[in-house]
Amino acid sequence: MLTSMTILIALVSVLLIGAVLIQNPKGGGVDSTFGGSQANQMFGAAKSADFIEKATWYLAAALFILCIVTSLLVGGPGGIEDIPLQSQ
């Protein structure tokens, strides 16, 4: 369970990094490099920016919740407290 939560946190983190890099309020970001011009033609510039902004907020919230849940699993009451931090 702990391994799957760690992998999920890493995946959400990478997606969040990508979402932050794609958006740029000045309009000259990496968005146009990765197909942003096609998205702007299909959805319009405003709808594309709204989607990227919403995705950023949802990914940030998911990362926050996953980190809290994982910390409760590791050290919370009834959690996995027998994990050795160092080999003795």
N, C-alpha and C. Protein backbone atom coordinates (compact mmCIF):
# COMPACT_ATOMS: atom_id res chain seq x y z
N MET A 1 0.83 -1.19 0.00
CA MET A 1 0.00 0.00 0.00
C MET A 1 0.87 1.25 0.00
N LEU A 2 1.91 1.22 0.82
CA LEU A 2 2.78 2.39 0.92
C LEU A 2 3.54 2.62 -0.38
N THR A 3 3.94 1.55 -1.04
CA THR A 3 4.64 1.68 -2.31
C THR A 3 3.73 2.26 -3.38
N SER A 4 2.50 1.82 -3.43
CA SER A 4 1.57 2.35 -4.43
C SER A 4 1.25 3.83 -4.16
N MET A 5 1.17 4.21 -2.91
CA MET A 5 0.93 5.63 -2.59
C MET A 5 2.14 6.48 -3.00
N THR A 6 3.34 5.95 -2.80
CA THR A 6 4.54 6.68 -3.19
C THR A 6 4.62 6.84 -4.70
N ILE A 7 4.28 5.80 -5.43
CA ILE A 7 4.28 5.88 -6.89
C ILE A 7 3.22 6.87 -7.37
N LEU A 8 2.06 6.87 -6.73
CA LEU A 8 0.99 7.80 -7.09
C LEU A 8 1.40 9.25 -6.81
N ILE A 9 2.08 9.48 -5.70
CA ILE A 9 2.57 10.82 -5.38
C ILE A 9 3.59 11.28 -6.42
N ALA A 10 4.48 10.38 -6.82
CA ALA A 10 5.48 10.73 -7.84
C ALA A 10 4.81 11.06 -9.17
N LEU A 11 3.80 10.29 -9.56
CA LEU A 11 3.09 10.53 -10.81
C LEU A 11 2.37 11.87 -10.79
N VAL A 12 1.67 12.15 -9.71
CA VAL A 12 0.96 13.43 -9.58
C VAL A 12 1.95 14.59 -9.58
N SER A 13 3.10 14.39 -8.94
CA SER A 13 4.11 15.45 -8.91
C SER A 13 4.64 15.77 -10.30
N VAL A 14 4.90 14.74 -11.10
CA VAL A 14 5.39 14.96 -12.46
C VAL A 14 4.32 15.65 -13.31
N LEU A 15 3.07 15.24 -13.16
CA LEU A 15 1.99 15.89 -13.90
C LEU A 15 1.81 17.35 -13.47
N LEU A 16 1.98 17.62 -12.18
CA LEU A 16 1.88 18.99 -11.69
C LEU A 16 3.01 19.85 -12.24
N ILE A 17 4.21 19.30 -12.30
CA ILE A 17 5.34 20.04 -12.88
C ILE A 17 5.04 20.37 -14.34
N GLY A 18 4.52 19.40 -15.07
CA GLY A 18 4.18 19.64 -16.47
C GLY A 18 3.09 20.70 -16.63
N ALA A 19 2.08 20.66 -15.77
CA ALA A 19 1.00 21.64 -15.87
C ALA A 19 1.50 23.05 -15.55
N VAL A 20 2.41 23.16 -14.60
CA VAL A 20 2.96 24.48 -14.26
C VAL A 20 3.85 25.00 -15.39
N LEU A 21 4.63 24.12 -16.00
CA LEU A 21 5.50 24.56 -17.08
C LEU A 21 4.73 24.95 -18.34
N ILE A 22 3.61 24.30 -18.58
CA ILE A 22 2.83 24.61 -19.78
C ILE A 22 2.18 25.98 -19.70
N GLN A 23 1.67 26.35 -18.54
CA GLN A 23 0.95 27.61 -18.46
C GLN A 23 1.91 28.78 -18.29
N ASN A 24 1.55 29.87 -18.91
CA ASN A 24 2.30 31.11 -18.80
C ASN A 24 1.32 32.26 -19.05
N PRO A 25 1.14 33.13 -18.09
CA PRO A 25 0.14 34.19 -18.26
C PRO A 25 0.48 35.17 -19.37
N LYS A 26 1.75 35.24 -19.79
CA LYS A 26 2.12 36.18 -20.84
C LYS A 26 1.90 35.59 -22.23
N GLY A 27 1.58 34.31 -22.32
CA GLY A 27 1.29 33.71 -23.60
C GLY A 27 2.49 33.21 -24.37
N GLY A 28 3.69 33.26 -23.81
CA GLY A 28 4.86 32.83 -24.55
C GLY A 28 5.54 31.63 -23.93
N GLY A 29 4.80 30.79 -23.26
CA GLY A 29 5.40 29.68 -22.54
C GLY A 29 5.62 28.47 -23.40
N VAL A 30 5.80 27.36 -22.75
CA VAL A 30 6.07 26.09 -23.41
C VAL A 30 4.80 25.56 -24.05
N ASP A 31 3.67 26.19 -23.79
CA ASP A 31 2.38 25.74 -24.30
C ASP A 31 2.39 25.61 -25.82
N SER A 32 2.96 26.57 -26.51
CA SER A 32 2.97 26.52 -27.97
C SER A 32 3.92 25.45 -28.49
N THR A 33 4.94 25.10 -27.72
CA THR A 33 5.89 24.08 -28.16
C THR A 33 5.25 22.70 -28.17
N PHE A 34 4.41 22.40 -27.20
CA PHE A 34 3.80 21.08 -27.07
C PHE A 34 2.38 21.04 -27.59
N GLY A 35 2.13 21.71 -28.67
CA GLY A 35 0.82 21.61 -29.30
C GLY A 35 -0.19 22.60 -28.78
N GLY A 36 0.25 23.63 -28.13
CA GLY A 36 -0.68 24.63 -27.61
C GLY A 36 -1.38 25.40 -28.70
N SER A 37 -0.72 25.57 -29.83
CA SER A 37 -1.36 26.31 -30.92
C SER A 37 -2.55 25.53 -31.49
N GLN A 38 -2.43 24.19 -31.55
CA GLN A 38 -3.56 23.39 -32.01
C GLN A 38 -4.69 23.43 -31.00
N ALA A 39 -4.34 23.41 -29.72
CA ALA A 39 -5.38 23.47 -28.69
C ALA A 39 -6.08 24.82 -28.73
N ASN A 40 -5.34 25.88 -29.00
CA ASN A 40 -5.95 27.19 -29.10
C ASN A 40 -6.87 27.28 -30.29
N GLN A 41 -6.54 26.61 -31.38
CA GLN A 41 -7.40 26.63 -32.55
C GLN A 41 -8.66 25.81 -32.29
N MET A 42 -8.52 24.73 -31.53
CA MET A 42 -9.66 23.86 -31.30
C MET A 42 -10.59 24.42 -30.23
N PHE A 43 -10.03 24.83 -29.10
CA PHE A 43 -10.85 25.26 -27.98
C PHE A 43 -10.90 26.77 -27.83
N GLY A 44 -9.95 27.45 -28.38
CA GLY A 44 -9.82 28.88 -28.13
C GLY A 44 -8.82 29.09 -27.02
N ALA A 45 -8.18 30.24 -27.00
CA ALA A 45 -7.12 30.50 -26.03
C ALA A 45 -7.64 30.52 -24.60
N ALA A 46 -8.80 31.08 -24.39
CA ALA A 46 -9.33 31.19 -23.03
C ALA A 46 -9.69 29.83 -22.45
N LYS A 47 -10.32 28.97 -23.25
CA LYS A 47 -10.73 27.66 -22.74
C LYS A 47 -9.53 26.78 -22.46
N SER A 48 -8.49 26.88 -23.29
CA SER A 48 -7.28 26.10 -23.07
C SER A 48 -6.60 26.54 -21.78
N ALA A 49 -6.52 27.84 -21.55
CA ALA A 49 -5.90 28.36 -20.33
C ALA A 49 -6.72 27.99 -19.10
N ASP A 50 -8.04 28.01 -19.22
CA ASP A 50 -8.89 27.63 -18.09
C ASP A 50 -8.69 26.16 -17.73
N PHE A 51 -8.59 25.30 -18.74
CA PHE A 51 -8.40 23.88 -18.48
C PHE A 51 -7.07 23.62 -17.79
N ILE A 52 -6.02 24.27 -18.26
CA ILE A 52 -4.70 24.07 -17.68
C ILE A 52 -4.67 24.60 -16.24
N GLU A 53 -5.33 25.72 -15.99
CA GLU A 53 -5.37 26.27 -14.64
C GLU A 53 -6.15 25.37 -13.70
N LYS A 54 -7.28 24.86 -14.15
CA LYS A 54 -8.07 23.94 -13.31
C LYS A 54 -7.30 22.65 -13.05
N ALA A 55 -6.62 22.14 -14.07
CA ALA A 55 -5.83 20.92 -13.89
C ALA A 55 -4.72 21.14 -12.87
N THR A 56 -4.11 22.33 -12.89
CA THR A 56 -3.06 22.64 -11.92
C THR A 56 -3.61 22.63 -10.51
N TRP A 57 -4.76 23.24 -10.30
CA TRP A 57 -5.36 23.27 -8.96
C TRP A 57 -5.77 21.88 -8.49
N TYR A 58 -6.35 21.09 -9.39
CA TYR A 58 -6.76 19.73 -9.00
C TYR A 58 -5.55 18.85 -8.68
N LEU A 59 -4.49 18.99 -9.46
CA LEU A 59 -3.28 18.20 -9.19
C LEU A 59 -2.62 18.63 -7.88
N ALA A 60 -2.62 19.93 -7.59
CA ALA A 60 -2.05 20.41 -6.33
C ALA A 60 -2.85 19.89 -5.14
N ALA A 61 -4.17 19.91 -5.26
CA ALA A 61 -5.02 19.38 -4.19
C ALA A 61 -4.82 17.88 -4.01
N ALA A 62 -4.71 17.16 -5.13
CA ALA A 62 -4.50 15.71 -5.06
C ALA A 62 -3.16 15.40 -4.40
N LEU A 63 -2.13 16.17 -4.73
CA LEU A 63 -0.82 15.95 -4.12
C LEU A 63 -0.87 16.21 -2.62
N PHE A 64 -1.53 17.26 -2.22
CA PHE A 64 -1.67 17.59 -0.79
C PHE A 64 -2.39 16.46 -0.05
N ILE A 65 -3.49 16.00 -0.59
CA ILE A 65 -4.27 14.94 0.07
C ILE A 65 -3.48 13.63 0.12
N LEU A 66 -2.81 13.29 -0.98
CA LEU A 66 -2.02 12.06 -1.00
C LEU A 66 -0.88 12.10 0.02
N CYS A 67 -0.25 13.24 0.18
CA CYS A 67 0.83 13.35 1.16
C CYS A 67 0.30 13.21 2.58
N ILE A 68 -0.84 13.80 2.87
CA ILE A 68 -1.44 13.69 4.20
C ILE A 68 -1.83 12.24 4.48
N VAL A 69 -2.48 11.59 3.53
CA VAL A 69 -2.91 10.20 3.72
C VAL A 69 -1.70 9.28 3.90
N THR A 70 -0.65 9.50 3.11
CA THR A 70 0.55 8.67 3.24
C THR A 70 1.22 8.87 4.58
N SER A 71 1.26 10.10 5.06
CA SER A 71 1.87 10.33 6.38
C SER A 71 1.05 9.69 7.49
N LEU A 72 -0.26 9.66 7.33
CA LEU A 72 -1.09 8.98 8.32
C LEU A 72 -0.88 7.47 8.27
N LEU A 73 -0.67 6.94 7.07
CA LEU A 73 -0.41 5.50 6.95
C LEU A 73 0.91 5.11 7.60
N VAL A 74 1.89 5.97 7.47
CA VAL A 74 3.23 5.64 7.98
C VAL A 74 3.31 5.83 9.49
N GLY A 75 2.88 6.97 10.00
CA GLY A 75 3.11 7.25 11.40
C GLY A 75 1.88 7.53 12.23
N GLY A 76 0.72 7.40 11.67
CA GLY A 76 -0.50 7.69 12.41
C GLY A 76 -0.88 6.57 13.34
N PRO A 77 -1.92 6.77 14.12
CA PRO A 77 -2.38 5.71 15.01
C PRO A 77 -2.84 4.50 14.20
N GLY A 78 -2.25 3.38 14.52
CA GLY A 78 -2.58 2.15 13.81
C GLY A 78 -1.88 2.04 12.47
N GLY A 79 -0.96 2.94 12.21
CA GLY A 79 -0.25 2.93 10.93
C GLY A 79 0.92 1.96 10.96
N ILE A 80 1.72 2.05 9.96
CA ILE A 80 2.89 1.18 9.85
C ILE A 80 4.02 1.82 10.63
N GLU A 81 4.14 1.49 11.90
CA GLU A 81 5.15 2.11 12.75
C GLU A 81 6.40 1.24 12.89
N ASP A 82 6.38 0.06 12.34
CA ASP A 82 7.49 -0.86 12.50
C ASP A 82 8.51 -0.75 11.37
N ILE A 83 8.40 0.28 10.54
CA ILE A 83 9.36 0.43 9.45
C ILE A 83 10.68 0.95 10.02
N PRO A 84 11.76 0.19 9.89
CA PRO A 84 13.03 0.68 10.40
C PRO A 84 13.59 1.78 9.50
N LEU A 85 14.06 2.84 10.10
CA LEU A 85 14.64 3.94 9.33
C LEU A 85 16.07 3.64 8.92
N GLN A 86 16.77 2.87 9.74
CA GLN A 86 18.15 2.49 9.43
C GLN A 86 18.33 1.01 9.75
N SER A 87 19.19 0.37 9.00
CA SER A 87 19.50 -1.02 9.34
C SER A 87 20.48 -1.03 10.51
N GLN A 88 20.20 -1.89 11.46
CA GLN A 88 21.02 -1.89 12.69
C GLN A 88 21.95 -3.06 12.72
